[in-house]
């Protein structure tokens, strides 16, 4: 009877996990800086670019009072969806590599 020892966990997480972590951190930074400094064009452009393709919904907004809060909510939702998808991919890839294949 052969007992397989589990493979040691790597000290550095997979590239997918690092990418998901970096994207999540940058997303929080961009959305919070857009909320804190609404006059900063750089923070707003970074938040729009990072929330693509969901930020294209900004084109459908009317220029009415309260549009800034709606736009910020759209950007936060876009970043959240993208981060969730990246985390799902990262955890799915690491789980598929960690599961032993029985022959």
PDB file of N, CA and C in Angstrom:
ATOM      1  N   UNK A   1       0.829  -1.166   0.000  1.00  0.00           N
ATOM      2  CA  UNK A   1       0.000   0.000   0.000  1.00  0.00           C
ATOM      3  C   UNK A   1       0.879   1.236   0.000  1.00  0.00           C
ATOM      4  N   UNK A   2       0.572   2.111  -0.913  1.00  0.00           N
ATOM      5  CA  UNK A   2       1.370   3.321  -1.083  1.00  0.00           C
ATOM      6  C   UNK A   2       0.587   4.512  -0.553  1.00  0.00           C
ATOM      7  N   UNK A   3       1.181   5.227   0.374  1.00  0.00           N
ATOM      8  CA  UNK A   3       0.527   6.434   0.879  1.00  0.00           C
ATOM      9  C   UNK A   3       1.268   7.639   0.333  1.00  0.00           C
ATOM     10  N   UNK A   4       0.548   8.469  -0.331  1.00  0.00           N
ATOM     11  CA  UNK A   4       1.155   9.661  -0.922  1.00  0.00           C
ATOM     12  C   UNK A   4       1.163  10.785   0.099  1.00  0.00           C
ATOM     13  N   UNK A   5       2.300  11.413   0.214  1.00  0.00           N
ATOM     14  CA  UNK A   5       2.405  12.554   1.102  1.00  0.00           C
ATOM     15  C   UNK A   5       1.902  13.785   0.362  1.00  0.00           C
ATOM     16  N   UNK A   6       1.233  14.663   1.060  1.00  0.00           N
ATOM     17  CA  UNK A   6       0.774  15.874   0.386  1.00  0.00           C
ATOM     18  C   UNK A   6       1.962  16.748  -0.001  1.00  0.00           C
ATOM     19  N   UNK A   7       1.822  17.383  -1.143  1.00  0.00           N
ATOM     20  CA  UNK A   7       2.899  18.260  -1.610  1.00  0.00           C
ATOM     21  C   UNK A   7       2.992  19.468  -0.687  1.00  0.00           C
ATOM     22  N   UNK A   8       4.200  19.931  -0.422  1.00  0.00           N
ATOM     23  CA  UNK A   8       4.336  21.105   0.449  1.00  0.00           C
ATOM     24  C   UNK A   8       3.751  22.335  -0.230  1.00  0.00           C
ATOM     25  N   UNK A   9       3.146  23.192   0.571  1.00  0.00           N
ATOM     26  CA  UNK A   9       2.558  24.418   0.027  1.00  0.00           C
ATOM     27  C   UNK A   9       3.671  25.378  -0.341  1.00  0.00           C
ATOM     28  N   UNK A  10       3.549  26.032  -1.483  1.00  0.00           N
ATOM     29  CA  UNK A  10       4.576  26.998  -1.858  1.00  0.00           C
ATOM     30  C   UNK A  10       4.536  28.224  -0.943  1.00  0.00           C
ATOM     31  N   UNK A  11       5.695  28.813  -0.722  1.00  0.00           N
ATOM     32  CA  UNK A  11       5.764  30.007   0.115  1.00  0.00           C
ATOM     33  C   UNK A  11       5.122  31.201  -0.572  1.00  0.00           C
ATOM     34  N   UNK A  12       5.239  31.257  -1.880  1.00  0.00           N
ATOM     35  CA  UNK A  12       4.653  32.351  -2.652  1.00  0.00           C
ATOM     36  C   UNK A  12       3.388  31.833  -3.309  1.00  0.00           C
ATOM     37  N   UNK A  13       2.269  32.533  -3.159  1.00  0.00           N
ATOM     38  CA  UNK A  13       1.033  32.062  -3.785  1.00  0.00           C
ATOM     39  C   UNK A  13       1.139  32.088  -5.309  1.00  0.00           C
ATOM     40  N   UNK A  14       0.174  31.460  -5.947  1.00  0.00           N
ATOM     41  CA  UNK A  14       0.197  31.406  -7.401  1.00  0.00           C
ATOM     42  C   UNK A  14       0.074  32.799  -7.992  1.00  0.00           C
ATOM     43  N   UNK A  15       0.422  32.905  -9.256  1.00  0.00           N
ATOM     44  CA  UNK A  15       0.347  34.198  -9.949  1.00  0.00           C
ATOM     45  C   UNK A  15      -1.088  34.696 -10.009  1.00  0.00           C
ATOM     46  N   UNK A  16      -2.040  33.788 -10.121  1.00  0.00           N
ATOM     47  CA  UNK A  16      -3.439  34.202 -10.143  1.00  0.00           C
ATOM     48  C   UNK A  16      -3.825  34.845  -8.823  1.00  0.00           C
ATOM     49  N   UNK A  17      -3.368  34.277  -7.725  1.00  0.00           N
ATOM     50  CA  UNK A  17      -3.688  34.854  -6.414  1.00  0.00           C
ATOM     51  C   UNK A  17      -3.015  36.205  -6.234  1.00  0.00           C
ATOM     52  N   UNK A  18      -1.761  36.311  -6.655  1.00  0.00           N
ATOM     53  CA  UNK A  18      -1.076  37.594  -6.555  1.00  0.00           C
ATOM     54  C   UNK A  18      -1.767  38.649  -7.410  1.00  0.00           C
ATOM     55  N   UNK A  19      -2.185  38.260  -8.610  1.00  0.00           N
ATOM     56  CA  UNK A  19      -2.893  39.188  -9.486  1.00  0.00           C
ATOM     57  C   UNK A  19      -4.225  39.616  -8.902  1.00  0.00           C
ATOM     58  N   UNK A  20      -4.961  38.658  -8.340  1.00  0.00           N
ATOM     59  CA  UNK A  20      -6.252  38.982  -7.733  1.00  0.00           C
ATOM     60  C   UNK A  20      -6.074  39.887  -6.517  1.00  0.00           C
ATOM     61  N   UNK A  21      -5.050  39.613  -5.723  1.00  0.00           N
ATOM     62  CA  UNK A  21      -4.785  40.445  -4.552  1.00  0.00           C
ATOM     63  C   UNK A  21      -4.393  41.858  -4.969  1.00  0.00           C
ATOM     64  N   UNK A  22      -3.520  41.968  -5.968  1.00  0.00           N
ATOM     65  CA  UNK A  22      -3.103  43.288  -6.448  1.00  0.00           C
ATOM     66  C   UNK A  22      -4.274  44.056  -7.046  1.00  0.00           C
ATOM     67  N   UNK A  23      -5.096  43.374  -7.845  1.00  0.00           N
ATOM     68  CA  UNK A  23      -6.241  44.035  -8.464  1.00  0.00           C
ATOM     69  C   UNK A  23      -7.231  44.506  -7.407  1.00  0.00           C
ATOM     70  N   UNK A  24      -7.459  43.694  -6.386  1.00  0.00           N
ATOM     71  CA  UNK A  24      -8.374  44.077  -5.315  1.00  0.00           C
ATOM     72  C   UNK A  24      -7.847  45.290  -4.552  1.00  0.00           C
ATOM     73  N   UNK A  25      -6.555  45.279  -4.233  1.00  0.00           N
ATOM     74  CA  UNK A  25      -5.965  46.401  -3.492  1.00  0.00           C
ATOM     75  C   UNK A  25      -6.001  47.693  -4.318  1.00  0.00           C
ATOM     76  N   UNK A  26      -5.653  47.606  -5.584  1.00  0.00           N
ATOM     77  CA  UNK A  26      -5.683  48.790  -6.446  1.00  0.00           C
ATOM     78  C   UNK A  26      -7.115  49.276  -6.627  1.00  0.00           C
ATOM     79  N   UNK A  27      -8.056  48.356  -6.736  1.00  0.00           N
ATOM     80  CA  UNK A  27      -9.460  48.737  -6.874  1.00  0.00           C
ATOM     81  C   UNK A  27      -9.966  49.500  -5.670  1.00  0.00           C
ATOM     82  N   UNK A  28      -9.655  49.007  -4.484  1.00  0.00           N
ATOM     83  CA  UNK A  28     -10.069  49.706  -3.266  1.00  0.00           C
ATOM     84  C   UNK A  28      -9.426  51.087  -3.227  1.00  0.00           C
ATOM     85  N   UNK A  29      -8.159  51.176  -3.572  1.00  0.00           N
ATOM     86  CA  UNK A  29      -7.457  52.456  -3.577  1.00  0.00           C
ATOM     87  C   UNK A  29      -8.071  53.431  -4.575  1.00  0.00           C
ATOM     88  N   UNK A  30      -8.367  52.957  -5.787  1.00  0.00           N
ATOM     89  CA  UNK A  30      -8.939  53.837  -6.813  1.00  0.00           C
ATOM     90  C   UNK A  30     -10.338  54.314  -6.448  1.00  0.00           C
ATOM     91  N   UNK A  31     -11.171  53.420  -5.975  1.00  0.00           N
ATOM     92  CA  UNK A  31     -12.541  53.804  -5.641  1.00  0.00           C
ATOM     93  C   UNK A  31     -12.560  54.732  -4.432  1.00  0.00           C
ATOM     94  N   UNK A  32     -11.751  54.448  -3.424  1.00  0.00           N
ATOM     95  CA  UNK A  32     -11.711  55.307  -2.240  1.00  0.00           C
ATOM     96  C   UNK A  32     -11.120  56.673  -2.590  1.00  0.00           C
ATOM     97  N   UNK A  33     -10.075  56.707  -3.408  1.00  0.00           N
ATOM     98  CA  UNK A  33      -9.497  58.005  -3.778  1.00  0.00           C
ATOM     99  C   UNK A  33     -10.444  58.803  -4.664  1.00  0.00           C
ATOM    100  N   UNK A  34     -11.243  58.118  -5.498  1.00  0.00           N
ATOM    101  CA  UNK A  34     -12.241  58.831  -6.300  1.00  0.00           C
ATOM    102  C   UNK A  34     -13.330  59.428  -5.406  1.00  0.00           C
ATOM    103  N   UNK A  35     -13.674  58.728  -4.347  1.00  0.00           N
ATOM    104  CA  UNK A  35     -14.676  59.253  -3.423  1.00  0.00           C
ATOM    105  C   UNK A  35     -14.110  60.376  -2.557  1.00  0.00           C
ATOM    106  N   UNK A  36     -12.862  60.231  -2.138  1.00  0.00           N
ATOM    107  CA  UNK A  36     -12.253  61.230  -1.264  1.00  0.00           C
ATOM    108  C   UNK A  36     -11.857  62.497  -2.020  1.00  0.00           C
ATOM    109  N   UNK A  37     -11.397  62.339  -3.252  1.00  0.00           N
ATOM    110  CA  UNK A  37     -10.955  63.475  -4.065  1.00  0.00           C
ATOM    111  C   UNK A  37     -11.734  63.488  -5.376  1.00  0.00           C
ATOM    112  N   UNK A  38     -12.978  63.955  -5.355  1.00  0.00           N
ATOM    113  CA  UNK A  38     -13.803  63.895  -6.566  1.00  0.00           C
ATOM    114  C   UNK A  38     -13.303  64.783  -7.700  1.00  0.00           C
ATOM    115  N   UNK A  39     -12.440  65.752  -7.408  1.00  0.00           N
ATOM    116  CA  UNK A  39     -11.920  66.632  -8.458  1.00  0.00           C
ATOM    117  C   UNK A  39     -10.681  66.066  -9.145  1.00  0.00           C
ATOM    118  N   UNK A  40     -10.163  64.953  -8.658  1.00  0.00           N
ATOM    119  CA  UNK A  40      -8.960  64.357  -9.232  1.00  0.00           C
ATOM    120  C   UNK A  40      -9.309  63.555 -10.484  1.00  0.00           C
ATOM    121  N   UNK A  41      -8.848  64.026 -11.623  1.00  0.00           N
ATOM    122  CA  UNK A  41      -9.133  63.330 -12.879  1.00  0.00           C
ATOM    123  C   UNK A  41      -8.347  62.027 -12.996  1.00  0.00           C
ATOM    124  N   UNK A  42      -7.148  61.997 -12.460  1.00  0.00           N
ATOM    125  CA  UNK A  42      -6.317  60.798 -12.552  1.00  0.00           C
ATOM    126  C   UNK A  42      -6.959  59.632 -11.800  1.00  0.00           C
ATOM    127  N   UNK A  43      -7.446  59.880 -10.591  1.00  0.00           N
ATOM    128  CA  UNK A  43      -8.089  58.819  -9.814  1.00  0.00           C
ATOM    129  C   UNK A  43      -9.348  58.335 -10.520  1.00  0.00           C
ATOM    130  N   UNK A  44     -10.103  59.273 -11.100  1.00  0.00           N
ATOM    131  CA  UNK A  44     -11.326  58.891 -11.786  1.00  0.00           C
ATOM    132  C   UNK A  44     -11.031  58.071 -13.034  1.00  0.00           C
ATOM    133  N   UNK A  45     -10.043  58.474 -13.813  1.00  0.00           N
ATOM    134  CA  UNK A  45      -9.684  57.712 -15.015  1.00  0.00           C
ATOM    135  C   UNK A  45      -9.158  56.325 -14.675  1.00  0.00           C
ATOM    136  N   UNK A  46      -8.381  56.217 -13.604  1.00  0.00           N
ATOM    137  CA  UNK A  46      -7.885  54.906 -13.180  1.00  0.00           C
ATOM    138  C   UNK A  46      -9.042  54.021 -12.726  1.00  0.00           C
ATOM    139  N   UNK A  47     -10.006  54.604 -12.015  1.00  0.00           N
ATOM    140  CA  UNK A  47     -11.161  53.822 -11.564  1.00  0.00           C
ATOM    141  C   UNK A  47     -12.012  53.374 -12.744  1.00  0.00           C
ATOM    142  N   UNK A  48     -12.178  54.231 -13.731  1.00  0.00           N
ATOM    143  CA  UNK A  48     -12.959  53.869 -14.922  1.00  0.00           C
ATOM    144  C   UNK A  48     -12.251  52.770 -15.707  1.00  0.00           C
ATOM    145  N   UNK A  49     -10.963  52.902 -15.914  1.00  0.00           N
ATOM    146  CA  UNK A  49     -10.209  51.909 -16.688  1.00  0.00           C
ATOM    147  C   UNK A  49     -10.187  50.554 -15.992  1.00  0.00           C
ATOM    148  N   UNK A  50     -10.051  50.549 -14.687  1.00  0.00           N
ATOM    149  CA  UNK A  50      -9.990  49.288 -13.957  1.00  0.00           C
ATOM    150  C   UNK A  50     -11.318  48.572 -13.848  1.00  0.00           C
ATOM    151  N   UNK A  51     -12.405  49.319 -13.989  1.00  0.00           N
ATOM    152  CA  UNK A  51     -13.729  48.712 -13.860  1.00  0.00           C
ATOM    153  C   UNK A  51     -14.295  48.275 -15.206  1.00  0.00           C
ATOM    154  N   UNK A  52     -13.508  48.376 -16.263  1.00  0.00           N
ATOM    155  CA  UNK A  52     -13.990  47.941 -17.584  1.00  0.00           C
ATOM    156  C   UNK A  52     -14.321  46.467 -17.544  1.00  0.00           C
ATOM    157  N   UNK A  53     -15.244  45.966 -18.238  1.00  0.00           N
ATOM    158  CA  UNK A  53     -16.181  46.576 -19.175  1.00  0.00           C
ATOM    159  C   UNK A  53     -17.413  47.155 -18.493  1.00  0.00           C
ATOM    160  N   UNK A  54     -17.521  46.980 -17.168  1.00  0.00           N
ATOM    161  CA  UNK A  54     -18.719  47.418 -16.444  1.00  0.00           C
ATOM    162  C   UNK A  54     -18.841  48.929 -16.409  1.00  0.00           C
ATOM    163  N   UNK A  55     -17.724  49.653 -16.497  1.00  0.00           N
ATOM    164  CA  UNK A  55     -17.783  51.107 -16.430  1.00  0.00           C
ATOM    165  C   UNK A  55     -18.389  51.720 -17.692  1.00  0.00           C
ATOM    166  N   UNK A  56     -18.580  50.928 -18.723  1.00  0.00           N
ATOM    167  CA  UNK A  56     -19.251  51.444 -19.921  1.00  0.00           C
ATOM    168  C   UNK A  56     -20.698  51.828 -19.616  1.00  0.00           C
ATOM    169  N   UNK A  57     -21.229  51.351 -18.503  1.00  0.00           N
ATOM    170  CA  UNK A  57     -22.575  51.747 -18.089  1.00  0.00           C
ATOM    171  C   UNK A  57     -22.637  53.221 -17.732  1.00  0.00           C
ATOM    172  N   UNK A  58     -21.485  53.845 -17.505  1.00  0.00           N
ATOM    173  CA  UNK A  58     -21.466  55.279 -17.217  1.00  0.00           C
ATOM    174  C   UNK A  58     -21.993  56.093 -18.397  1.00  0.00           C
ATOM    175  N   UNK A  59     -21.882  55.542 -19.596  1.00  0.00           N
ATOM    176  CA  UNK A  59     -22.372  56.252 -20.776  1.00  0.00           C
ATOM    177  C   UNK A  59     -23.889  56.410 -20.757  1.00  0.00           C
ATOM    178  N   UNK A  60     -24.578  55.581 -20.019  1.00  0.00           N
ATOM    179  CA  UNK A  60     -26.035  55.620 -19.975  1.00  0.00           C
ATOM    180  C   UNK A  60     -26.572  56.566 -18.899  1.00  0.00           C
ATOM    181  N   UNK A  61     -25.687  57.129 -18.084  1.00  0.00           N
ATOM    182  CA  UNK A  61     -26.150  58.003 -17.001  1.00  0.00           C
ATOM    183  C   UNK A  61     -26.487  59.399 -17.519  1.00  0.00           C
ATOM    184  N   UNK A  62     -27.559  59.968 -16.989  1.00  0.00           N
ATOM    185  CA  UNK A  62     -27.913  61.358 -17.287  1.00  0.00           C
ATOM    186  C   UNK A  62     -27.079  62.278 -16.413  1.00  0.00           C
ATOM    187  N   UNK A  63     -26.830  63.470 -16.911  1.00  0.00           N
ATOM    188  CA  UNK A  63     -26.116  64.459 -16.114  1.00  0.00           C
ATOM    189  C   UNK A  63     -27.129  65.195 -15.250  1.00  0.00           C
ATOM    190  N   UNK A  64     -27.504  64.578 -14.182  1.00  0.00           N
ATOM    191  CA  UNK A  64     -28.479  65.128 -13.249  1.00  0.00           C
ATOM    192  C   UNK A  64     -27.835  65.195 -11.869  1.00  0.00           C
ATOM    193  N   UNK A  65     -28.463  65.886 -10.961  1.00  0.00           N
ATOM    194  CA  UNK A  65     -27.924  65.897  -9.593  1.00  0.00           C
ATOM    195  C   UNK A  65     -27.823  64.473  -9.038  1.00  0.00           C
ATOM    196  N   UNK A  66     -26.726  64.178  -8.393  1.00  0.00           N
ATOM    197  CA  UNK A  66     -26.515  62.855  -7.821  1.00  0.00           C
ATOM    198  C   UNK A  66     -25.838  61.881  -8.756  1.00  0.00           C
ATOM    199  N   UNK A  67     -25.439  62.351  -9.950  1.00  0.00           N
ATOM    200  CA  UNK A  67     -24.811  61.443 -10.905  1.00  0.00           C
ATOM    201  C   UNK A  67     -23.440  60.976 -10.418  1.00  0.00           C
ATOM    202  N   UNK A  68     -22.760  61.794  -9.642  1.00  0.00           N
ATOM    203  CA  UNK A  68     -21.431  61.409  -9.153  1.00  0.00           C
ATOM    204  C   UNK A  68     -21.522  60.213  -8.215  1.00  0.00           C
ATOM    205  N   UNK A  69     -22.522  60.207  -7.345  1.00  0.00           N
ATOM    206  CA  UNK A  69     -22.686  59.078  -6.430  1.00  0.00           C
ATOM    207  C   UNK A  69     -23.078  57.812  -7.195  1.00  0.00           C
ATOM    208  N   UNK A  70     -23.926  57.971  -8.216  1.00  0.00           N
ATOM    209  CA  UNK A  70     -24.309  56.814  -9.030  1.00  0.00           C
ATOM    210  C   UNK A  70     -23.111  56.281  -9.800  1.00  0.00           C
ATOM    211  N   UNK A  71     -22.311  57.184 -10.352  1.00  0.00           N
ATOM    212  CA  UNK A  71     -21.121  56.772 -11.098  1.00  0.00           C
ATOM    213  C   UNK A  71     -20.131  56.053 -10.185  1.00  0.00           C
ATOM    214  N   UNK A  72     -19.963  56.551  -8.974  1.00  0.00           N
ATOM    215  CA  UNK A  72     -19.058  55.895  -8.029  1.00  0.00           C
ATOM    216  C   UNK A  72     -19.569  54.505  -7.655  1.00  0.00           C
ATOM    217  N   UNK A  73     -20.871  54.376  -7.515  1.00  0.00           N
ATOM    218  CA  UNK A  73     -21.446  53.055  -7.222  1.00  0.00           C
ATOM    219  C   UNK A  73     -21.231  52.098  -8.389  1.00  0.00           C
ATOM    220  N   UNK A  74     -21.366  52.593  -9.623  1.00  0.00           N
ATOM    221  CA  UNK A  74     -21.129  51.755 -10.808  1.00  0.00           C
ATOM    222  C   UNK A  74     -19.668  51.318 -10.857  1.00  0.00           C
ATOM    223  N   UNK A  75     -18.750  52.233 -10.573  1.00  0.00           N
ATOM    224  CA  UNK A  75     -17.326  51.891 -10.587  1.00  0.00           C
ATOM    225  C   UNK A  75     -16.981  50.896  -9.481  1.00  0.00           C
ATOM    226  N   UNK A  76     -17.531  51.102  -8.294  1.00  0.00           N
ATOM    227  CA  UNK A  76     -17.270  50.158  -7.196  1.00  0.00           C
ATOM    228  C   UNK A  76     -17.828  48.778  -7.526  1.00  0.00           C
ATOM    229  N   UNK A  77     -19.002  48.741  -8.131  1.00  0.00           N
ATOM    230  CA  UNK A  77     -19.586  47.450  -8.519  1.00  0.00           C
ATOM    231  C   UNK A  77     -18.746  46.778  -9.601  1.00  0.00           C
ATOM    232  N   UNK A  78     -18.259  47.554 -10.569  1.00  0.00           N
ATOM    233  CA  UNK A  78     -17.414  46.995 -11.624  1.00  0.00           C
ATOM    234  C   UNK A  78     -16.129  46.401 -11.074  1.00  0.00           C
ATOM    235  N   UNK A  79     -15.471  47.133 -10.174  1.00  0.00           N
ATOM    236  CA  UNK A  79     -14.257  46.614  -9.551  1.00  0.00           C
ATOM    237  C   UNK A  79     -14.565  45.358  -8.743  1.00  0.00           C
ATOM    238  N   UNK A  80     -15.682  45.359  -8.047  1.00  0.00           N
ATOM    239  CA  UNK A  80     -16.043  44.199  -7.218  1.00  0.00           C
ATOM    240  C   UNK A  80     -16.299  42.958  -8.072  1.00  0.00           C
ATOM    241  N   UNK A  81     -17.005  43.138  -9.175  1.00  0.00           N
ATOM    242  CA  UNK A  81     -17.281  42.005 -10.064  1.00  0.00           C
ATOM    243  C   UNK A  81     -15.992  41.465 -10.662  1.00  0.00           C
ATOM    244  N   UNK A  82     -15.133  42.361 -11.136  1.00  0.00           N
ATOM    245  CA  UNK A  82     -13.861  41.918 -11.721  1.00  0.00           C
ATOM    246  C   UNK A  82     -12.987  41.222 -10.682  1.00  0.00           C
ATOM    247  N   UNK A  83     -12.929  41.765  -9.469  1.00  0.00           N
ATOM    248  CA  UNK A  83     -12.118  41.146  -8.412  1.00  0.00           C
ATOM    249  C   UNK A  83     -12.689  39.777  -8.039  1.00  0.00           C
ATOM    250  N   UNK A  84     -14.003  39.669  -7.969  1.00  0.00           N
ATOM    251  CA  UNK A  84     -14.621  38.376  -7.645  1.00  0.00           C
ATOM    252  C   UNK A  84     -14.299  37.337  -8.716  1.00  0.00           C
ATOM    253  N   UNK A  85     -14.342  37.743  -9.974  1.00  0.00           N
ATOM    254  CA  UNK A  85     -13.998  36.811 -11.051  1.00  0.00           C
ATOM    255  C   UNK A  85     -12.526  36.395 -10.986  1.00  0.00           C
ATOM    256  N   UNK A  86     -11.644  37.344 -10.699  1.00  0.00           N
ATOM    257  CA  UNK A  86     -10.224  36.996 -10.574  1.00  0.00           C
ATOM    258  C   UNK A  86      -9.983  36.057  -9.401  1.00  0.00           C
ATOM    259  N   UNK A  87     -10.628  36.308  -8.260  1.00  0.00           N
ATOM    260  CA  UNK A  87     -10.467  35.428  -7.104  1.00  0.00           C
ATOM    261  C   UNK A  87     -11.021  34.049  -7.399  1.00  0.00           C
ATOM    262  N   UNK A  88     -12.145  33.989  -8.106  1.00  0.00           N
ATOM    263  CA  UNK A  88     -12.719  32.698  -8.471  1.00  0.00           C
ATOM    264  C   UNK A  88     -11.741  31.910  -9.337  1.00  0.00           C
ATOM    265  N   UNK A  89     -11.139  32.577 -10.321  1.00  0.00           N
ATOM    266  CA  UNK A  89     -10.148  31.905 -11.165  1.00  0.00           C
ATOM    267  C   UNK A  89      -8.934  31.460 -10.358  1.00  0.00           C
ATOM    268  N   UNK A  90      -8.459  32.343  -9.481  1.00  0.00           N
ATOM    269  CA  UNK A  90      -7.268  32.023  -8.687  1.00  0.00           C
ATOM    270  C   UNK A  90      -7.521  30.826  -7.776  1.00  0.00           C
ATOM    271  N   UNK A  91      -8.649  30.816  -7.105  1.00  0.00           N
ATOM    272  CA  UNK A  91      -8.938  29.711  -6.181  1.00  0.00           C
ATOM    273  C   UNK A  91      -9.273  28.430  -6.937  1.00  0.00           C
ATOM    274  N   UNK A  92      -9.891  28.556  -8.081  1.00  0.00           N
ATOM    275  CA  UNK A  92     -10.223  27.377  -8.888  1.00  0.00           C
ATOM    276  C   UNK A  92      -8.954  26.723  -9.426  1.00  0.00           C
ATOM    277  N   UNK A  93      -8.015  27.527  -9.902  1.00  0.00           N
ATOM    278  CA  UNK A  93      -6.759  26.983 -10.430  1.00  0.00           C
ATOM    279  C   UNK A  93      -5.940  26.321  -9.330  1.00  0.00           C
ATOM    280  N   UNK A  94      -5.868  26.953  -8.162  1.00  0.00           N
ATOM    281  CA  UNK A  94      -5.071  26.356  -7.088  1.00  0.00           C
ATOM    282  C   UNK A  94      -5.729  25.088  -6.557  1.00  0.00           C
ATOM    283  N   UNK A  95      -7.055  25.042  -6.545  1.00  0.00           N
ATOM    284  CA  UNK A  95      -7.744  23.833  -6.081  1.00  0.00           C
ATOM    285  C   UNK A  95      -7.567  22.688  -7.065  1.00  0.00           C
ATOM    286  N   UNK A  96      -7.570  22.995  -8.351  1.00  0.00           N
ATOM    287  CA  UNK A  96      -7.405  21.924  -9.340  1.00  0.00           C
ATOM    288  C   UNK A  96      -5.981  21.382  -9.337  1.00  0.00           C
ATOM    289  N   UNK A  97      -5.014  22.239  -9.015  1.00  0.00           N
ATOM    290  CA  UNK A  97      -3.633  21.754  -8.935  1.00  0.00           C
ATOM    291  C   UNK A  97      -3.394  20.970  -7.662  1.00  0.00           C
ATOM    292  N   UNK A  98      -4.088  21.315  -6.583  1.00  0.00           N
ATOM    293  CA  UNK A  98      -3.858  20.657  -5.303  1.00  0.00           C
ATOM    294  C   UNK A  98      -4.559  19.304  -5.204  1.00  0.00           C
ATOM    295  N   UNK A  99      -5.626  19.094  -5.963  1.00  0.00           N
ATOM    296  CA  UNK A  99      -6.351  17.825  -5.840  1.00  0.00           C
ATOM    297  C   UNK A  99      -5.552  16.710  -6.505  1.00  0.00           C
ATOM    298  N   UNK A 100      -5.351  15.613  -5.797  1.00  0.00           N
ATOM    299  CA  UNK A 100      -4.587  14.508  -6.373  1.00  0.00           C
ATOM    300  C   UNK A 100      -5.393  13.787  -7.442  1.00  0.00           C
ATOM    301  N   UNK A 101      -4.718  13.363  -8.452  1.00  0.00           N
ATOM    302  CA  UNK A 101      -5.352  12.630  -9.558  1.00  0.00           C
ATOM    303  C   UNK A 101      -5.122  11.140  -9.320  1.00  0.00           C
ATOM    304  N   UNK A 102      -6.204  10.400  -9.146  1.00  0.00           N
ATOM    305  CA  UNK A 102      -6.098   8.957  -8.969  1.00  0.00           C
ATOM    306  C   UNK A 102      -6.037   8.282 -10.313  1.00  0.00           C
ATOM    307  N   UNK A 103      -5.087   7.381 -10.499  1.00  0.00           N
ATOM    308  CA  UNK A 103      -4.953   6.656 -11.771  1.00  0.00           C
ATOM    309  C   UNK A 103      -5.555   5.288 -11.669  1.00  0.00           C
TER     310      UNK A 103
END
